[in-house]
Amino acid sequence: MQLFSFKSARRFADDQDGAIIVEFGIVLPIMLLLLALTVEASRLMWSYQSVIAGVRDAGRYMARVTPSSICSSGASVAHLGTKLRKIVVEDIGGNALFPSSVTVNSVTPSYSCVSGTYRVSPAAVANVTANVTIQLPLGGVMALFGNGLSSVTTDVADNSRIFGQ
């Protein structure tokens, strides 16, 4: 009884059964990596846009509650910091707007007096700046390909003309 023949070896070498499974096994990790990166980028953009909206709302609030004569009086707006941070971080019901991986490190109010051909010269402009750190939960995936990025820290700022109370 012959266990091995060249004819059966040739038939085995020409057989294509299972080739798709092997190709799928090669391509699957790459596709999963692309999916993870897409999800991570989407999550990063959503978080960043939410912070921008919060800072914009805080700037509008500051533009309304700060007296329009602040340039001539030279008053400080530092007392608004806590309220503005609350506007950036919470919704109207006091619930957190961001997932635990988004941290608002600081919210800094300031103003500048801009000279020009406005109705009032100098015109007061409210500046609200938030320093934000966004933790990337899938950042460890990038460590497989070199230097992993686990978080992003950035400043988000908005300016609004102060109209006063």
N, C-alpha and C. Protein backbone atom coordinates (compact mmCIF):
# COMPACT_ATOMS: atom_id res chain seq x y z
N MET A 1 0.83 -1.18 0.00
CA MET A 1 0.00 0.00 0.00
C MET A 1 0.88 1.24 0.00
N GLN A 2 0.62 2.09 -0.93
CA GLN A 2 1.42 3.29 -1.10
C GLN A 2 0.74 4.44 -0.36
N LEU A 3 1.47 5.03 0.64
CA LEU A 3 0.91 6.12 1.44
C LEU A 3 1.07 7.47 0.77
N PHE A 4 2.07 7.67 0.00
CA PHE A 4 2.35 8.96 -0.61
C PHE A 4 2.60 8.78 -2.10
N SER A 5 1.91 9.56 -2.87
CA SER A 5 2.15 9.52 -4.30
C SER A 5 2.27 10.95 -4.81
N PHE A 6 2.98 11.10 -5.89
CA PHE A 6 3.16 12.42 -6.45
C PHE A 6 1.84 12.99 -6.96
N LYS A 7 0.96 12.11 -7.37
CA LYS A 7 -0.34 12.55 -7.87
C LYS A 7 -1.16 13.18 -6.75
N SER A 8 -1.16 12.56 -5.57
CA SER A 8 -1.92 13.12 -4.45
C SER A 8 -1.24 14.39 -3.92
N ALA A 9 0.06 14.47 -3.98
CA ALA A 9 0.77 15.67 -3.54
C ALA A 9 0.47 16.84 -4.47
N ARG A 10 0.41 16.57 -5.76
CA ARG A 10 0.11 17.61 -6.72
C ARG A 10 -1.33 18.10 -6.54
N ARG A 11 -2.24 17.17 -6.31
CA ARG A 11 -3.64 17.53 -6.10
C ARG A 11 -3.77 18.39 -4.82
N PHE A 12 -3.00 18.05 -3.77
CA PHE A 12 -3.03 18.81 -2.52
C PHE A 12 -2.48 20.23 -2.74
N ALA A 13 -1.41 20.36 -3.51
CA ALA A 13 -0.80 21.66 -3.77
C ALA A 13 -1.70 22.55 -4.62
N ASP A 14 -2.48 21.97 -5.50
CA ASP A 14 -3.37 22.73 -6.37
C ASP A 14 -4.70 23.05 -5.71
N ASP A 15 -4.98 22.47 -4.56
CA ASP A 15 -6.26 22.66 -3.89
C ASP A 15 -6.36 24.08 -3.32
N GLN A 16 -7.46 24.79 -3.61
CA GLN A 16 -7.67 26.17 -3.15
C GLN A 16 -8.63 26.25 -1.96
N ASP A 17 -9.13 25.14 -1.48
CA ASP A 17 -10.04 25.14 -0.35
C ASP A 17 -9.32 25.71 0.88
N GLY A 18 -9.96 26.66 1.55
CA GLY A 18 -9.40 27.25 2.76
C GLY A 18 -8.53 28.47 2.52
N ALA A 19 -8.29 28.82 1.28
CA ALA A 19 -7.44 29.98 0.99
C ALA A 19 -8.10 31.27 1.49
N ILE A 20 -9.39 31.35 1.40
CA ILE A 20 -10.10 32.55 1.84
C ILE A 20 -9.98 32.72 3.35
N ILE A 21 -10.02 31.64 4.09
CA ILE A 21 -9.86 31.71 5.55
C ILE A 21 -8.48 32.26 5.90
N VAL A 22 -7.46 31.83 5.20
CA VAL A 22 -6.10 32.31 5.46
C VAL A 22 -6.00 33.80 5.12
N GLU A 23 -6.55 34.19 3.97
CA GLU A 23 -6.52 35.60 3.59
C GLU A 23 -7.29 36.46 4.59
N PHE A 24 -8.42 35.96 5.05
CA PHE A 24 -9.21 36.67 6.05
C PHE A 24 -8.41 36.83 7.34
N GLY A 25 -7.71 35.81 7.73
CA GLY A 25 -6.88 35.87 8.94
C GLY A 25 -5.75 36.88 8.82
N ILE A 26 -5.25 37.09 7.62
CA ILE A 26 -4.20 38.08 7.41
C ILE A 26 -4.77 39.49 7.41
N VAL A 27 -5.92 39.70 6.81
CA VAL A 27 -6.51 41.02 6.66
C VAL A 27 -7.26 41.48 7.92
N LEU A 28 -7.78 40.57 8.72
CA LEU A 28 -8.60 40.92 9.88
C LEU A 28 -7.90 41.87 10.86
N PRO A 29 -6.67 41.64 11.27
CA PRO A 29 -6.03 42.58 12.21
C PRO A 29 -5.90 43.99 11.65
N ILE A 30 -5.63 44.10 10.37
CA ILE A 30 -5.52 45.42 9.75
C ILE A 30 -6.88 46.12 9.74
N MET A 31 -7.92 45.38 9.41
CA MET A 31 -9.27 45.96 9.41
C MET A 31 -9.70 46.38 10.81
N LEU A 32 -9.38 45.57 11.81
CA LEU A 32 -9.72 45.91 13.19
C LEU A 32 -8.96 47.16 13.64
N LEU A 33 -7.72 47.30 13.24
CA LEU A 33 -6.94 48.49 13.56
C LEU A 33 -7.57 49.72 12.93
N LEU A 34 -7.96 49.64 11.67
CA LEU A 34 -8.62 50.77 11.00
C LEU A 34 -9.93 51.12 11.68
N LEU A 35 -10.69 50.12 12.10
CA LEU A 35 -11.95 50.37 12.80
C LEU A 35 -11.67 51.07 14.13
N ALA A 36 -10.68 50.60 14.88
CA ALA A 36 -10.35 51.20 16.17
C ALA A 36 -9.90 52.65 15.99
N LEU A 37 -9.11 52.92 14.97
CA LEU A 37 -8.66 54.29 14.73
C LEU A 37 -9.82 55.20 14.32
N THR A 38 -10.76 54.67 13.55
CA THR A 38 -11.93 55.45 13.15
C THR A 38 -12.80 55.79 14.36
N VAL A 39 -13.02 54.80 15.21
CA VAL A 39 -13.81 55.03 16.43
C VAL A 39 -13.12 56.06 17.32
N GLU A 40 -11.82 55.93 17.47
CA GLU A 40 -11.05 56.84 18.32
C GLU A 40 -11.08 58.26 17.78
N ALA A 41 -10.92 58.42 16.49
CA ALA A 41 -10.97 59.75 15.87
C ALA A 41 -12.35 60.37 16.01
N SER A 42 -13.40 59.58 15.85
CA SER A 42 -14.76 60.07 16.01
C SER A 42 -15.02 60.52 17.44
N ARG A 43 -14.57 59.73 18.39
CA ARG A 43 -14.75 60.05 19.80
C ARG A 43 -13.98 61.31 20.16
N LEU A 44 -12.78 61.46 19.64
CA LEU A 44 -11.97 62.64 19.90
C LEU A 44 -12.64 63.89 19.35
N MET A 45 -13.16 63.81 18.13
CA MET A 45 -13.85 64.96 17.54
C MET A 45 -15.12 65.31 18.30
N TRP A 46 -15.89 64.31 18.73
CA TRP A 46 -17.11 64.58 19.50
C TRP A 46 -16.76 65.29 20.80
N SER A 47 -15.76 64.81 21.50
CA SER A 47 -15.36 65.42 22.77
C SER A 47 -14.88 66.85 22.55
N TYR A 48 -14.08 67.05 21.53
CA TYR A 48 -13.55 68.38 21.25
C TYR A 48 -14.66 69.35 20.88
N GLN A 49 -15.61 68.92 20.07
CA GLN A 49 -16.74 69.78 19.69
C GLN A 49 -17.61 70.11 20.90
N SER A 50 -17.76 69.17 21.83
CA SER A 50 -18.53 69.43 23.04
C SER A 50 -17.85 70.48 23.90
N VAL A 51 -16.54 70.41 24.01
CA VAL A 51 -15.79 71.42 24.77
C VAL A 51 -15.91 72.78 24.10
N ILE A 52 -15.82 72.82 22.78
CA ILE A 52 -15.97 74.09 22.06
C ILE A 52 -17.33 74.71 22.34
N ALA A 53 -18.38 73.91 22.32
CA ALA A 53 -19.73 74.42 22.59
C ALA A 53 -19.83 74.96 24.02
N GLY A 54 -19.24 74.26 24.98
CA GLY A 54 -19.27 74.71 26.36
C GLY A 54 -18.51 76.01 26.55
N VAL A 55 -17.36 76.15 25.94
CA VAL A 55 -16.57 77.38 26.05
C VAL A 55 -17.31 78.53 25.37
N ARG A 56 -17.95 78.27 24.25
CA ARG A 56 -18.73 79.31 23.57
C ARG A 56 -19.88 79.79 24.45
N ASP A 57 -20.58 78.85 25.11
CA ASP A 57 -21.66 79.23 26.01
C ASP A 57 -21.14 80.04 27.20
N ALA A 58 -19.99 79.65 27.72
CA ALA A 58 -19.39 80.38 28.84
C ALA A 58 -18.99 81.79 28.39
N GLY A 59 -18.48 81.93 27.18
CA GLY A 59 -18.14 83.25 26.65
C GLY A 59 -19.37 84.13 26.48
N ARG A 60 -20.45 83.56 26.04
CA ARG A 60 -21.71 84.33 25.90
C ARG A 60 -22.22 84.77 27.26
N TYR A 61 -22.14 83.87 28.23
CA TYR A 61 -22.57 84.22 29.59
C TYR A 61 -21.72 85.37 30.13
N MET A 62 -20.42 85.26 29.97
CA MET A 62 -19.52 86.30 30.48
C MET A 62 -19.79 87.63 29.79
N ALA A 63 -20.09 87.61 28.50
CA ALA A 63 -20.37 88.84 27.76
C ALA A 63 -21.64 89.53 28.27
N ARG A 64 -22.54 88.76 28.84
CA ARG A 64 -23.79 89.33 29.35
C ARG A 64 -23.70 89.81 30.80
N VAL A 65 -22.93 89.14 31.63
CA VAL A 65 -22.91 89.50 33.06
C VAL A 65 -21.80 90.49 33.41
N THR A 66 -20.84 90.68 32.55
CA THR A 66 -19.76 91.64 32.81
C THR A 66 -20.24 93.03 32.42
N PRO A 67 -20.04 94.02 33.28
CA PRO A 67 -20.48 95.38 32.95
C PRO A 67 -19.78 95.91 31.69
N SER A 68 -20.50 96.64 30.88
CA SER A 68 -19.92 97.16 29.65
C SER A 68 -18.88 98.23 29.92
N SER A 69 -18.86 98.78 31.12
CA SER A 69 -17.90 99.83 31.49
C SER A 69 -16.64 99.24 32.13
N ILE A 70 -16.39 97.97 31.94
CA ILE A 70 -15.26 97.31 32.60
C ILE A 70 -13.92 97.88 32.16
N CYS A 71 -13.83 98.37 30.94
CA CYS A 71 -12.56 98.93 30.47
C CYS A 71 -12.21 100.21 31.23
N SER A 72 -13.20 101.01 31.51
CA SER A 72 -12.93 102.25 32.24
C SER A 72 -12.77 102.02 33.74
N SER A 73 -13.46 101.00 34.27
CA SER A 73 -13.36 100.74 35.71
C SER A 73 -12.16 99.88 36.07
N GLY A 74 -11.69 99.08 35.14
CA GLY A 74 -10.53 98.22 35.39
C GLY A 74 -10.81 97.08 36.35
N ALA A 75 -12.05 96.66 36.45
CA ALA A 75 -12.44 95.60 37.38
C ALA A 75 -11.89 94.25 36.91
N SER A 76 -11.93 93.29 37.82
CA SER A 76 -11.44 91.95 37.53
C SER A 76 -12.62 91.02 37.18
N VAL A 77 -12.33 90.01 36.37
CA VAL A 77 -13.35 89.01 36.03
C VAL A 77 -12.99 87.63 36.60
N ALA A 78 -11.98 87.60 37.46
CA ALA A 78 -11.52 86.33 38.03
C ALA A 78 -12.61 85.63 38.83
N HIS A 79 -13.51 86.39 39.42
CA HIS A 79 -14.59 85.80 40.23
C HIS A 79 -15.57 84.97 39.39
N LEU A 80 -15.54 85.14 38.08
CA LEU A 80 -16.43 84.38 37.20
C LEU A 80 -15.89 82.99 36.87
N GLY A 81 -14.66 82.69 37.25
CA GLY A 81 -14.02 81.43 36.87
C GLY A 81 -14.81 80.19 37.27
N THR A 82 -15.31 80.15 38.50
CA THR A 82 -16.06 78.97 38.98
C THR A 82 -17.35 78.78 38.20
N LYS A 83 -18.08 79.85 37.98
CA LYS A 83 -19.34 79.78 37.24
C LYS A 83 -19.10 79.37 35.79
N LEU A 84 -18.07 79.92 35.18
CA LEU A 84 -17.77 79.58 33.79
C LEU A 84 -17.33 78.13 33.65
N ARG A 85 -16.57 77.63 34.63
CA ARG A 85 -16.18 76.22 34.61
C ARG A 85 -17.42 75.33 34.69
N LYS A 86 -18.36 75.71 35.52
CA LYS A 86 -19.60 74.94 35.65
C LYS A 86 -20.38 74.94 34.34
N ILE A 87 -20.38 76.06 33.64
CA ILE A 87 -21.07 76.14 32.35
C ILE A 87 -20.41 75.21 31.33
N VAL A 88 -19.08 75.15 31.34
CA VAL A 88 -18.36 74.31 30.37
C VAL A 88 -18.56 72.83 30.68
N VAL A 89 -18.55 72.47 31.97
CA VAL A 89 -18.50 71.06 32.38
C VAL A 89 -19.88 70.42 32.56
N GLU A 90 -20.90 71.20 32.94
CA GLU A 90 -22.21 70.63 33.29
C GLU A 90 -23.32 71.17 32.39
N ASP A 91 -24.41 70.39 32.30
CA ASP A 91 -25.58 70.89 31.61
C ASP A 91 -26.43 71.67 32.61
N ILE A 92 -27.57 72.16 32.18
CA ILE A 92 -28.40 73.01 33.02
C ILE A 92 -28.94 72.29 34.26
N GLY A 93 -29.04 70.96 34.17
CA GLY A 93 -29.50 70.18 35.31
C GLY A 93 -28.39 69.78 36.28
N GLY A 94 -27.16 70.18 36.00
CA GLY A 94 -26.03 69.85 36.86
C GLY A 94 -25.38 68.51 36.55
N ASN A 95 -25.78 67.88 35.45
CA ASN A 95 -25.19 66.60 35.05
C ASN A 95 -23.92 66.83 34.24
N ALA A 96 -22.95 65.93 34.40
CA ALA A 96 -21.70 66.05 33.66
C ALA A 96 -21.94 65.87 32.17
N LEU A 97 -21.31 66.72 31.37
CA LEU A 97 -21.47 66.65 29.92
C LEU A 97 -20.51 65.68 29.26
N PHE A 98 -19.38 65.43 29.90
CA PHE A 98 -18.32 64.67 29.27
C PHE A 98 -18.15 63.31 29.94
N PRO A 99 -17.65 62.34 29.18
CA PRO A 99 -17.30 61.06 29.80
C PRO A 99 -16.10 61.26 30.74
N SER A 100 -15.84 60.28 31.57
CA SER A 100 -14.77 60.41 32.56
C SER A 100 -13.39 60.56 31.92
N SER A 101 -13.26 60.23 30.66
CA SER A 101 -11.96 60.35 30.00
C SER A 101 -11.67 61.77 29.51
N VAL A 102 -12.63 62.68 29.64
CA VAL A 102 -12.42 64.08 29.26
C VAL A 102 -12.36 64.90 30.55
N THR A 103 -11.23 65.57 30.76
CA THR A 103 -11.02 66.36 31.97
C THR A 103 -10.80 67.81 31.59
N VAL A 104 -11.61 68.69 32.17
CA VAL A 104 -11.40 70.13 32.00
C VAL A 104 -10.48 70.56 33.14
N ASN A 105 -9.23 70.85 32.81
CA ASN A 105 -8.23 71.18 33.82
C ASN A 105 -8.45 72.56 34.42
N SER A 106 -8.77 73.54 33.59
CA SER A 106 -8.99 74.90 34.08
C SER A 106 -9.83 75.67 33.07
N VAL A 107 -10.56 76.66 33.59
CA VAL A 107 -11.29 77.61 32.76
C VAL A 107 -10.87 78.99 33.23
N THR A 108 -10.32 79.79 32.33
CA THR A 108 -9.77 81.09 32.69
C THR A 108 -10.51 82.21 31.97
N PRO A 109 -11.18 83.09 32.74
CA PRO A 109 -11.81 84.25 32.12
C PRO A 109 -10.83 85.44 32.09
N SER A 110 -10.94 86.23 31.07
CA SER A 110 -10.17 87.47 30.98
C SER A 110 -10.92 88.40 30.02
N TYR A 111 -10.45 89.60 29.92
CA TYR A 111 -11.05 90.51 28.94
C TYR A 111 -9.96 91.39 28.38
N SER A 112 -10.22 91.94 27.23
CA SER A 112 -9.30 92.89 26.61
C SER A 112 -10.11 94.09 26.13
N CYS A 113 -9.46 95.22 26.10
CA CYS A 113 -10.09 96.44 25.64
C CYS A 113 -9.53 96.76 24.26
N VAL A 114 -10.39 96.72 23.26
CA VAL A 114 -9.97 96.87 21.87
C VAL A 114 -10.37 98.24 21.37
N SER A 115 -9.39 99.03 20.97
CA SER A 115 -9.67 100.36 20.41
C SER A 115 -10.07 100.21 18.95
N GLY A 116 -10.90 101.10 18.50
CA GLY A 116 -11.31 101.05 17.11
C GLY A 116 -12.49 101.95 16.87
N THR A 117 -13.16 101.73 15.77
CA THR A 117 -14.31 102.56 15.39
C THR A 117 -15.61 101.85 15.77
N TYR A 118 -15.69 101.45 17.04
CA TYR A 118 -16.91 100.84 17.55
C TYR A 118 -17.78 101.94 18.14
N ARG A 119 -18.99 101.56 18.55
CA ARG A 119 -19.85 102.53 19.22
C ARG A 119 -19.20 103.03 20.50
N VAL A 120 -18.46 102.15 21.14
CA VAL A 120 -17.74 102.49 22.36
C VAL A 120 -16.27 102.20 22.09
N SER A 121 -15.41 103.14 22.43
CA SER A 121 -13.98 102.89 22.25
C SER A 121 -13.28 103.22 23.56
N PRO A 122 -12.57 102.31 24.12
CA PRO A 122 -12.31 100.95 23.66
C PRO A 122 -13.49 100.02 23.97
N ALA A 123 -13.66 99.03 23.14
CA ALA A 123 -14.73 98.04 23.32
C ALA A 123 -14.17 96.87 24.12
N ALA A 124 -14.95 96.40 25.08
CA ALA A 124 -14.52 95.28 25.92
C ALA A 124 -14.85 93.96 25.21
N VAL A 125 -13.88 93.04 25.21
CA VAL A 125 -14.06 91.73 24.61
C VAL A 125 -13.74 90.67 25.66
N ALA A 126 -14.71 89.78 25.90
CA ALA A 126 -14.54 88.70 26.88
C ALA A 126 -13.76 87.56 26.24
N ASN A 127 -12.82 87.01 27.01
CA ASN A 127 -12.02 85.87 26.55
C ASN A 127 -12.18 84.74 27.56
N VAL A 128 -12.61 83.59 27.10
CA VAL A 128 -12.71 82.41 27.96
C VAL A 128 -11.83 81.32 27.35
N THR A 129 -10.92 80.79 28.17
CA THR A 129 -10.00 79.75 27.72
C THR A 129 -10.12 78.55 28.64
N ALA A 130 -10.32 77.36 28.07
CA ALA A 130 -10.39 76.12 28.83
C ALA A 130 -9.23 75.23 28.43
N ASN A 131 -8.54 74.68 29.43
CA ASN A 131 -7.48 73.71 29.19
C ASN A 131 -8.09 72.33 29.41
N VAL A 132 -8.01 71.47 28.40
CA VAL A 132 -8.72 70.19 28.41
C VAL A 132 -7.75 69.06 28.11
N THR A 133 -7.92 67.94 28.84
CA THR A 133 -7.17 66.72 28.56
C THR A 133 -8.15 65.64 28.18
N ILE A 134 -7.93 65.00 27.05
CA ILE A 134 -8.79 63.91 26.58
C ILE A 134 -7.96 62.63 26.58
N GLN A 135 -8.37 61.67 27.40
CA GLN A 135 -7.69 60.36 27.47
C GLN A 135 -8.19 59.50 26.31
N LEU A 136 -7.29 58.85 25.63
CA LEU A 136 -7.65 57.99 24.51
C LEU A 136 -7.63 56.54 24.97
N PRO A 137 -8.80 55.91 25.15
CA PRO A 137 -8.82 54.54 25.67
C PRO A 137 -8.18 53.53 24.73
N LEU A 138 -8.20 53.78 23.46
CA LEU A 138 -7.57 52.87 22.51
C LEU A 138 -6.17 53.35 22.13
N GLY A 139 -5.63 54.29 22.90
CA GLY A 139 -4.30 54.81 22.62
C GLY A 139 -3.22 53.74 22.71
N GLY A 140 -3.47 52.71 23.51
CA GLY A 140 -2.51 51.62 23.62
C GLY A 140 -2.34 50.86 22.32
N VAL A 141 -3.33 50.90 21.46
CA VAL A 141 -3.23 50.22 20.16
C VAL A 141 -2.10 50.85 19.35
N MET A 142 -1.95 52.16 19.46
CA MET A 142 -0.89 52.84 18.72
C MET A 142 0.49 52.46 19.24
N ALA A 143 0.57 52.02 20.50
CA ALA A 143 1.87 51.61 21.05
C ALA A 143 2.42 50.39 20.31
N LEU A 144 1.54 49.65 19.66
CA LEU A 144 2.00 48.51 18.88
C LEU A 144 2.83 48.94 17.67
N PHE A 145 2.65 50.18 17.25
CA PHE A 145 3.32 50.68 16.05
C PHE A 145 4.31 51.78 16.38
N GLY A 146 4.80 51.81 17.60
CA GLY A 146 5.79 52.82 17.96
C GLY A 146 5.36 53.57 19.20
N ASN A 147 5.48 54.86 19.14
CA ASN A 147 5.18 55.70 20.29
C ASN A 147 3.67 55.84 20.47
N GLY A 148 3.12 55.31 21.56
CA GLY A 148 1.69 55.37 21.81
C GLY A 148 1.26 56.72 22.33
N LEU A 149 0.11 57.19 21.91
CA LEU A 149 -0.46 58.46 22.34
C LEU A 149 -1.63 58.13 23.26
N SER A 150 -1.47 58.37 24.56
CA SER A 150 -2.52 57.99 25.50
C SER A 150 -3.45 59.14 25.84
N SER A 151 -3.04 60.40 25.63
CA SER A 151 -3.91 61.53 25.90
C SER A 151 -3.51 62.73 25.05
N VAL A 152 -4.47 63.65 24.93
CA VAL A 152 -4.25 64.89 24.20
C VAL A 152 -4.66 66.03 25.12
N THR A 153 -3.79 67.01 25.31
CA THR A 153 -4.11 68.19 26.11
C THR A 153 -4.04 69.41 25.20
N THR A 154 -5.08 70.24 25.27
CA THR A 154 -5.15 71.41 24.40
C THR A 154 -5.92 72.53 25.08
N ASP A 155 -5.81 73.73 24.53
CA ASP A 155 -6.58 74.87 25.00
C ASP A 155 -7.67 75.17 23.97
N VAL A 156 -8.86 75.49 24.49
CA VAL A 156 -9.98 75.89 23.65
C VAL A 156 -10.38 77.28 24.12
N ALA A 157 -10.47 78.23 23.20
CA ALA A 157 -10.76 79.62 23.57
C ALA A 157 -11.90 80.18 22.73
N ASP A 158 -12.59 81.15 23.32
CA ASP A 158 -13.66 81.84 22.61
C ASP A 158 -13.67 83.30 23.06
N ASN A 159 -14.00 84.18 22.13
CA ASN A 159 -14.09 85.63 22.42
C ASN A 159 -15.49 86.10 22.10
N SER A 160 -16.00 86.99 22.95
CA SER A 160 -17.32 87.58 22.73
C SER A 160 -17.28 89.06 23.12
N ARG A 161 -17.94 89.90 22.37
CA ARG A 161 -18.04 91.32 22.71
C ARG A 161 -18.88 91.48 23.96
N ILE A 162 -18.38 92.22 24.92
CA ILE A 162 -19.11 92.43 26.18
C ILE A 162 -20.16 93.51 25.96
N PHE A 163 -21.42 93.13 26.22
CA PHE A 163 -22.53 94.08 26.12
C PHE A 163 -23.03 94.51 27.49
N GLY A 164 -22.67 93.77 28.51
CA GLY A 164 -23.03 94.13 29.87
C GLY A 164 -24.43 93.74 30.24
N GLN A 165 -24.76 94.13 31.46
CA GLN A 165 -26.08 93.78 32.03
C GLN A 165 -27.14 94.74 31.61
